[in-house]
């Protein structure tokens, strides 16, 4: 019987490679330099709260990514009558990306080592997705809906890859945790 492949091996290899990457380390250094004043501010801002017991970044991503995915669903299934709603969803996602990014920067500013390098690549991916969605919005507002839909589809693909990295950081590495988890009462 042939050996079975471990389905976790590719994602684990990607994470290990990024966590050890000197290129990701240089990217992180460039981001710390470019965003230094913002990083200093978000560390002590409401975006770095412990009120929820965890970061506000993960719930904010639901607004951004949900809006963008909803726009692409309307692009695919809604026909020309859904163009205005799809444009509204893209706009909502672009606007929601600002506080989402600030909350993510607050989390990232506290990381070190492999998490810091993976977070830098995550941030680059989310920046690229935002750029694609901003282009989608411009195209839609200029009446070039097909271009806007294509840019949104590309943005969702990039955001999904970046989301994999962010999910790993928040869930597997605990970067979104603010307090010790309390035991659940029965």
Protein backbone atom coordinates (compact mmCIF):
# COMPACT_ATOMS: atom_id res chain seq x y z
CA UNK A 1 0.00 0.00 0.00
CA UNK A 2 1.51 3.39 -1.00
CA UNK A 3 2.10 5.91 1.80
CA UNK A 4 -0.58 8.55 2.15
CA UNK A 5 0.35 12.19 2.00
CA UNK A 6 -0.15 14.24 5.11
CA UNK A 7 -2.65 16.94 4.08
CA UNK A 8 -1.12 19.32 6.61
CA UNK A 9 2.36 19.08 5.13
CA UNK A 10 2.01 21.77 2.44
CA UNK A 11 0.46 24.43 4.73
CA UNK A 12 2.96 23.55 7.47
CA UNK A 13 5.83 23.81 4.99
CA UNK A 14 4.61 27.22 3.79
CA UNK A 15 4.33 28.50 7.35
CA UNK A 16 7.73 27.11 8.33
CA UNK A 17 9.35 28.61 5.22
CA UNK A 18 7.83 32.05 5.83
CA UNK A 19 8.64 31.91 9.54
CA UNK A 20 12.32 31.27 8.76
CA UNK A 21 12.60 33.42 5.63
CA UNK A 22 15.27 36.14 5.51
CA UNK A 23 13.19 37.81 2.78
CA UNK A 24 10.19 37.96 5.12
CA UNK A 25 12.52 39.32 7.80
CA UNK A 26 13.63 42.13 5.46
CA UNK A 27 9.98 42.78 4.55
CA UNK A 28 9.14 43.09 8.25
CA UNK A 29 12.02 45.52 8.77
CA UNK A 30 10.84 47.64 5.83
CA UNK A 31 7.29 47.68 7.19
CA UNK A 32 8.48 48.66 10.68
CA UNK A 33 10.41 51.53 9.10
CA UNK A 34 7.62 52.68 6.75
CA UNK A 35 4.83 52.35 9.30
CA UNK A 36 6.82 53.25 12.44
CA UNK A 37 4.66 56.20 13.58
CA UNK A 38 1.44 54.24 12.99
CA UNK A 39 2.80 51.20 14.84
CA UNK A 40 3.79 53.34 17.83
CA UNK A 41 0.32 54.89 17.92
CA UNK A 42 -1.72 51.67 17.52
CA UNK A 43 0.12 49.97 20.39
CA UNK A 44 -1.62 52.42 22.76
CA UNK A 45 -4.81 53.05 20.80
CA UNK A 46 -8.31 51.61 21.12
CA UNK A 47 -7.30 49.15 18.37
CA UNK A 48 -5.11 47.37 20.98
CA UNK A 49 -7.89 46.75 23.49
CA UNK A 50 -8.37 43.84 25.86
CA UNK A 51 -12.07 44.52 26.43
CA UNK A 52 -13.10 41.47 24.38
CA UNK A 53 -10.38 39.24 25.78
CA UNK A 54 -8.99 39.02 22.26
CA UNK A 55 -7.99 41.34 19.46
CA UNK A 56 -10.62 43.33 17.60
CA UNK A 57 -8.83 42.49 14.34
CA UNK A 58 -10.48 39.08 13.67
CA UNK A 59 -14.09 40.33 13.98
CA UNK A 60 -13.28 43.37 11.84
CA UNK A 61 -11.96 41.10 9.10
CA UNK A 62 -15.44 39.58 8.89
CA UNK A 63 -16.86 42.92 7.79
CA UNK A 64 -14.14 43.57 5.23
CA UNK A 65 -13.93 40.08 3.77
CA UNK A 66 -17.66 39.47 3.97
CA UNK A 67 -18.37 42.64 2.02
CA UNK A 68 -15.83 41.77 -0.63
CA UNK A 69 -16.98 38.17 -0.98
CA UNK A 70 -20.60 39.32 -1.13
CA UNK A 71 -19.71 41.67 -3.98
CA UNK A 72 -18.13 38.83 -5.95
CA UNK A 73 -21.15 36.60 -5.36
CA UNK A 74 -23.38 39.36 -6.73
CA UNK A 75 -20.99 39.80 -9.66
CA UNK A 76 -21.31 36.11 -10.50
CA UNK A 77 -24.96 35.48 -9.79
CA UNK A 78 -26.76 38.80 -9.57
CA UNK A 79 -26.67 40.03 -13.14
CA UNK A 80 -26.60 43.66 -14.18
CA UNK A 81 -29.33 44.60 -11.70
CA UNK A 82 -26.94 43.84 -8.80
CA UNK A 83 -24.13 46.14 -9.92
CA UNK A 84 -25.07 48.97 -7.58
CA UNK A 85 -25.26 46.61 -4.59
CA UNK A 86 -21.91 45.02 -5.52
CA UNK A 87 -20.34 48.47 -5.74
CA UNK A 88 -21.75 49.34 -2.30
CA UNK A 89 -20.25 46.14 -0.86
CA UNK A 90 -16.84 46.83 -2.40
CA UNK A 91 -16.97 50.37 -0.95
CA UNK A 92 -17.95 49.04 2.47
CA UNK A 93 -15.06 46.57 2.40
CA UNK A 94 -12.54 49.22 1.35
CA UNK A 95 -13.68 51.55 4.13
CA UNK A 96 -13.75 48.74 6.73
CA UNK A 97 -10.22 47.74 5.71
CA UNK A 98 -8.80 50.83 7.43
CA UNK A 99 -9.77 50.00 11.04
CA UNK A 100 -9.16 46.33 10.28
CA UNK A 101 -5.59 47.09 9.21
CA UNK A 102 -4.99 49.32 12.23
CA UNK A 103 -6.16 46.58 14.59
CA UNK A 104 -3.97 44.07 12.76
CA UNK A 105 -1.00 46.41 13.02
CA UNK A 106 -1.60 46.65 16.78
CA UNK A 107 -1.37 42.85 17.00
CA UNK A 108 1.64 42.62 14.68
CA UNK A 109 3.58 45.28 16.59
CA UNK A 110 3.64 42.92 19.58
CA UNK A 111 5.00 39.89 17.70
CA UNK A 112 8.53 38.62 17.33
CA UNK A 113 10.38 35.92 15.44
CA UNK A 114 8.48 33.64 13.04
CA UNK A 115 5.11 35.23 13.91
CA UNK A 116 6.51 38.66 13.04
CA UNK A 117 7.79 37.42 9.67
CA UNK A 118 4.54 35.58 8.84
CA UNK A 119 2.59 38.67 9.92
CA UNK A 120 4.63 40.83 7.56
CA UNK A 121 3.72 38.59 4.62
CA UNK A 122 0.08 38.54 5.79
CA UNK A 123 0.08 42.35 5.83
CA UNK A 124 1.62 42.54 2.35
CA UNK A 125 -1.10 40.21 1.08
CA UNK A 126 -3.89 42.22 2.66
CA UNK A 127 -2.38 45.43 1.27
CA UNK A 128 -2.36 43.84 -2.20
CA UNK A 129 -5.99 42.75 -1.78
CA UNK A 130 -6.98 46.26 -0.72
CA UNK A 131 -5.18 47.68 -3.76
CA UNK A 132 -7.12 45.29 -6.04
CA UNK A 133 -10.43 46.20 -4.41
CA UNK A 134 -9.67 49.92 -4.65
CA UNK A 135 -9.04 49.34 -8.36
CA UNK A 136 -12.29 47.40 -8.54
CA UNK A 137 -14.15 50.32 -6.98
CA UNK A 138 -12.63 52.83 -9.40
CA UNK A 139 -13.48 50.59 -12.36
CA UNK A 140 -17.07 50.15 -11.16
CA UNK A 141 -17.53 53.89 -10.61
CA UNK A 142 -16.29 54.49 -14.16
CA UNK A 143 -18.86 52.04 -15.54
CA UNK A 144 -16.36 49.26 -16.24
CA UNK A 145 -18.15 46.62 -14.25
CA UNK A 146 -16.44 43.61 -15.87
CA UNK A 147 -13.02 45.02 -14.96
CA UNK A 148 -14.28 45.74 -11.46
CA UNK A 149 -15.59 42.20 -11.09
CA UNK A 150 -12.30 40.75 -12.32
CA UNK A 151 -10.25 42.86 -9.93
CA UNK A 152 -12.57 41.84 -7.09
CA UNK A 153 -12.13 38.15 -7.93
CA UNK A 154 -8.36 38.62 -7.86
CA UNK A 155 -8.65 40.55 -4.61
CA UNK A 156 -10.64 37.74 -3.02
CA UNK A 157 -8.03 35.18 -4.07
CA UNK A 158 -5.21 37.25 -2.56
CA UNK A 159 -7.25 37.99 0.57
CA UNK A 160 -7.92 34.27 1.02
CA UNK A 161 -4.21 33.46 0.93
CA UNK A 162 -3.44 36.30 3.34
CA UNK A 163 -6.33 35.14 5.52
CA UNK A 164 -4.77 31.68 5.81
CA UNK A 165 -1.66 33.31 7.29
CA UNK A 166 -3.69 35.57 9.57
CA UNK A 167 -5.83 32.67 10.75
CA UNK A 168 -2.71 30.72 11.62
CA UNK A 169 -1.35 33.63 13.63
CA UNK A 170 -4.58 34.30 15.51
CA UNK A 171 -5.74 30.73 16.10
CA UNK A 172 -2.66 28.51 16.14
CA UNK A 173 -0.17 31.02 17.54
CA UNK A 174 -2.56 32.97 19.78
CA UNK A 175 -1.52 36.42 18.59
CA UNK A 176 -5.10 37.68 18.95
CA UNK A 177 -5.37 36.61 22.62
CA UNK A 178 -5.38 39.42 25.14
CA UNK A 179 -6.13 37.58 28.36
CA UNK A 180 -5.92 34.04 29.59
CA UNK A 181 -8.95 32.08 28.51
CA UNK A 182 -11.31 31.52 31.41
CA UNK A 183 -12.65 28.01 31.93
CA UNK A 184 -16.17 27.59 30.63
CA UNK A 185 -18.74 26.86 33.27
CA UNK A 186 -21.07 23.95 32.75
